[in-house]
C-alpha atoms as a PDB file:
ATOM      1  CA  UNK A   1       4.140 -32.025  -9.420  1.00  0.00           C
ATOM      2  CA  UNK A   2       5.974 -33.217  -6.364  1.00  0.00           C
ATOM      3  CA  UNK A   3       5.472 -30.690  -3.565  1.00  0.00           C
ATOM      4  CA  UNK A   4       8.931 -31.454  -2.223  1.00  0.00           C
ATOM      5  CA  UNK A   5      10.755 -30.901  -5.499  1.00  0.00           C
ATOM      6  CA  UNK A   6       8.652 -28.177  -7.118  1.00  0.00           C
ATOM      7  CA  UNK A   7       9.409 -29.663 -10.566  1.00  0.00           C
ATOM      8  CA  UNK A   8       7.241 -31.673 -12.960  1.00  0.00           C
ATOM      9  CA  UNK A   9       8.460 -35.132 -13.796  1.00  0.00           C
ATOM     10  CA  UNK A  10       9.609 -35.362 -17.438  1.00  0.00           C
ATOM     11  CA  UNK A  11       6.664 -37.487 -18.599  1.00  0.00           C
ATOM     12  CA  UNK A  12       4.130 -35.099 -17.077  1.00  0.00           C
ATOM     13  CA  UNK A  13       5.939 -32.080 -18.556  1.00  0.00           C
ATOM     14  CA  UNK A  14       5.948 -33.744 -21.986  1.00  0.00           C
ATOM     15  CA  UNK A  15       2.221 -34.480 -21.708  1.00  0.00           C
ATOM     16  CA  UNK A  16       1.464 -30.855 -20.798  1.00  0.00           C
ATOM     17  CA  UNK A  17       3.630 -29.617 -23.690  1.00  0.00           C
ATOM     18  CA  UNK A  18       1.636 -31.823 -26.096  1.00  0.00           C
ATOM     19  CA  UNK A  19      -1.692 -30.535 -24.753  1.00  0.00           C
ATOM     20  CA  UNK A  20      -0.492 -26.921 -25.044  1.00  0.00           C
ATOM     21  CA  UNK A  21       0.686 -27.587 -28.616  1.00  0.00           C
ATOM     22  CA  UNK A  22      -2.724 -29.012 -29.588  1.00  0.00           C
ATOM     23  CA  UNK A  23      -4.580 -26.122 -27.950  1.00  0.00           C
ATOM     24  CA  UNK A  24      -2.400 -23.526 -29.716  1.00  0.00           C
ATOM     25  CA  UNK A  25      -2.871 -25.301 -33.035  1.00  0.00           C
ATOM     26  CA  UNK A  26      -6.688 -25.375 -32.876  1.00  0.00           C
ATOM     27  CA  UNK A  27      -7.133 -22.023 -31.084  1.00  0.00           C
ATOM     28  CA  UNK A  28      -9.220 -20.409 -33.819  1.00  0.00           C
ATOM     29  CA  UNK A  29     -13.000 -20.608 -34.390  1.00  0.00           C
ATOM     30  CA  UNK A  30     -12.622 -21.913 -37.954  1.00  0.00           C
ATOM     31  CA  UNK A  31     -10.098 -24.563 -36.895  1.00  0.00           C
ATOM     32  CA  UNK A  32     -12.382 -25.672 -34.068  1.00  0.00           C
ATOM     33  CA  UNK A  33     -15.236 -25.867 -36.583  1.00  0.00           C
ATOM     34  CA  UNK A  34     -13.116 -28.026 -38.886  1.00  0.00           C
ATOM     35  CA  UNK A  35     -12.203 -30.383 -36.029  1.00  0.00           C
ATOM     36  CA  UNK A  36     -15.871 -30.594 -35.006  1.00  0.00           C
ATOM     37  CA  UNK A  37     -16.898 -31.519 -38.572  1.00  0.00           C
ATOM     38  CA  UNK A  38     -14.162 -34.125 -38.875  1.00  0.00           C
ATOM     39  CA  UNK A  39     -15.333 -35.735 -35.636  1.00  0.00           C
ATOM     40  CA  UNK A  40     -18.718 -36.265 -37.300  1.00  0.00           C
ATOM     41  CA  UNK A  41     -17.498 -37.075 -40.828  1.00  0.00           C
ATOM     42  CA  UNK A  42     -14.329 -39.199 -41.054  1.00  0.00           C
ATOM     43  CA  UNK A  43     -13.153 -37.662 -44.366  1.00  0.00           C
ATOM     44  CA  UNK A  44     -14.087 -34.369 -45.977  1.00  0.00           C
ATOM     45  CA  UNK A  45     -12.807 -32.339 -48.908  1.00  0.00           C
ATOM     46  CA  UNK A  46     -12.019 -28.629 -48.695  1.00  0.00           C
ATOM     47  CA  UNK A  47     -15.171 -27.775 -50.647  1.00  0.00           C
ATOM     48  CA  UNK A  48     -17.347 -29.911 -48.337  1.00  0.00           C
ATOM     49  CA  UNK A  49     -15.842 -28.214 -45.280  1.00  0.00           C
ATOM     50  CA  UNK A  50     -16.379 -24.764 -46.847  1.00  0.00           C
ATOM     51  CA  UNK A  51     -20.007 -25.594 -47.659  1.00  0.00           C
ATOM     52  CA  UNK A  52     -20.711 -26.864 -44.143  1.00  0.00           C
ATOM     53  CA  UNK A  53     -18.980 -23.956 -42.381  1.00  0.00           C
ATOM     54  CA  UNK A  54     -19.870 -21.218 -44.869  1.00  0.00           C
ATOM     55  CA  UNK A  55     -16.205 -20.283 -45.130  1.00  0.00           C
ATOM     56  CA  UNK A  56     -13.995 -19.124 -47.999  1.00  0.00           C
ATOM     57  CA  UNK A  57     -11.919 -21.819 -49.682  1.00  0.00           C
ATOM     58  CA  UNK A  58      -8.598 -19.963 -49.526  1.00  0.00           C
ATOM     59  CA  UNK A  59      -8.920 -19.283 -45.789  1.00  0.00           C
ATOM     60  CA  UNK A  60     -10.141 -22.811 -45.066  1.00  0.00           C
ATOM     61  CA  UNK A  61      -7.296 -24.330 -47.106  1.00  0.00           C
ATOM     62  CA  UNK A  62      -4.806 -22.231 -45.149  1.00  0.00           C
ATOM     63  CA  UNK A  63      -6.127 -23.527 -41.815  1.00  0.00           C
ATOM     64  CA  UNK A  64      -6.274 -27.128 -43.082  1.00  0.00           C
ATOM     65  CA  UNK A  65      -2.672 -26.921 -44.266  1.00  0.00           C
ATOM     66  CA  UNK A  66      -1.543 -25.471 -40.934  1.00  0.00           C
ATOM     67  CA  UNK A  67      -3.228 -28.249 -38.949  1.00  0.00           C
ATOM     68  CA  UNK A  68      -1.876 -30.888 -41.345  1.00  0.00           C
ATOM     69  CA  UNK A  69       1.690 -29.602 -41.003  1.00  0.00           C
ATOM     70  CA  UNK A  70       1.372 -29.657 -37.208  1.00  0.00           C
ATOM     71  CA  UNK A  71       0.157 -33.270 -37.218  1.00  0.00           C
ATOM     72  CA  UNK A  72      -3.462 -32.690 -36.217  1.00  0.00           C
ATOM     73  CA  UNK A  73      -4.925 -33.684 -39.600  1.00  0.00           C
ATOM     74  CA  UNK A  74      -3.989 -36.148 -42.303  1.00  0.00           C
ATOM     75  CA  UNK A  75      -4.834 -35.860 -45.977  1.00  0.00           C
ATOM     76  CA  UNK A  76      -5.361 -38.417 -48.753  1.00  0.00           C
ATOM     77  CA  UNK A  77      -5.841 -37.822 -52.438  1.00  0.00           C
ATOM     78  CA  UNK A  78      -9.078 -39.206 -53.893  1.00  0.00           C
ATOM     79  CA  UNK A  79      -9.036 -38.512 -57.609  1.00  0.00           C
ATOM     80  CA  UNK A  80      -8.890 -34.740 -57.909  1.00  0.00           C
ATOM     81  CA  UNK A  81      -9.954 -34.128 -54.316  1.00  0.00           C
ATOM     82  CA  UNK A  82      -7.898 -34.026 -51.146  1.00  0.00           C
ATOM     83  CA  UNK A  83      -9.760 -35.624 -48.245  1.00  0.00           C
ATOM     84  CA  UNK A  84      -8.912 -34.478 -44.731  1.00  0.00           C
ATOM     85  CA  UNK A  85      -9.347 -36.502 -41.557  1.00  0.00           C
ATOM     86  CA  UNK A  86      -8.367 -36.186 -37.902  1.00  0.00           C
ATOM     87  CA  UNK A  87      -4.956 -37.698 -37.289  1.00  0.00           C
ATOM     88  CA  UNK A  88      -4.565 -36.564 -33.695  1.00  0.00           C
ATOM     89  CA  UNK A  89      -7.561 -38.055 -31.867  1.00  0.00           C
ATOM     90  CA  UNK A  90      -6.562 -36.458 -28.557  1.00  0.00           C
ATOM     91  CA  UNK A  91      -7.673 -33.101 -29.940  1.00  0.00           C
ATOM     92  CA  UNK A  92     -11.288 -34.327 -29.836  1.00  0.00           C
ATOM     93  CA  UNK A  93     -10.961 -35.354 -26.206  1.00  0.00           C
ATOM     94  CA  UNK A  94      -9.417 -32.029 -25.210  1.00  0.00           C
ATOM     95  CA  UNK A  95     -12.096 -30.012 -27.020  1.00  0.00           C
ATOM     96  CA  UNK A  96     -14.866 -32.197 -25.595  1.00  0.00           C
ATOM     97  CA  UNK A  97     -13.500 -31.577 -22.105  1.00  0.00           C
ATOM     98  CA  UNK A  98     -13.477 -27.808 -22.706  1.00  0.00           C
ATOM     99  CA  UNK A  99     -17.014 -27.887 -24.155  1.00  0.00           C
ATOM    100  CA  UNK A 100     -18.258 -29.683 -21.036  1.00  0.00           C
ATOM    101  CA  UNK A 101     -16.554 -27.245 -18.704  1.00  0.00           C
ATOM    102  CA  UNK A 102     -19.029 -24.998 -16.903  1.00  0.00           C
ATOM    103  CA  UNK A 103     -16.459 -22.356 -16.008  1.00  0.00           C
ATOM    104  CA  UNK A 104     -17.572 -18.783 -16.674  1.00  0.00           C
ATOM    105  CA  UNK A 105     -20.400 -19.720 -19.011  1.00  0.00           C
END
């Protein structure tokens, strides 16, 4: 932000909008858990994610679909299974930064 103008330049504003969009999209404990798993395992099915997180399939599927529609995840069919992976790698960097933050912890 230029102190003289008091306005963000368009590129900086766009970058902040993208970060805010990612944060809003993953701002749920189950969604953060899914992202964390997909950082460790490049492709997982809904049932694998449910087993690892101890979550219900319908709820997990709902969150996976939401993140897929918003461009955070991608999905590929493998036989009868749908395998999810992280499409938006920046989400990992943002979450890692927040995890390393020592503020109020």
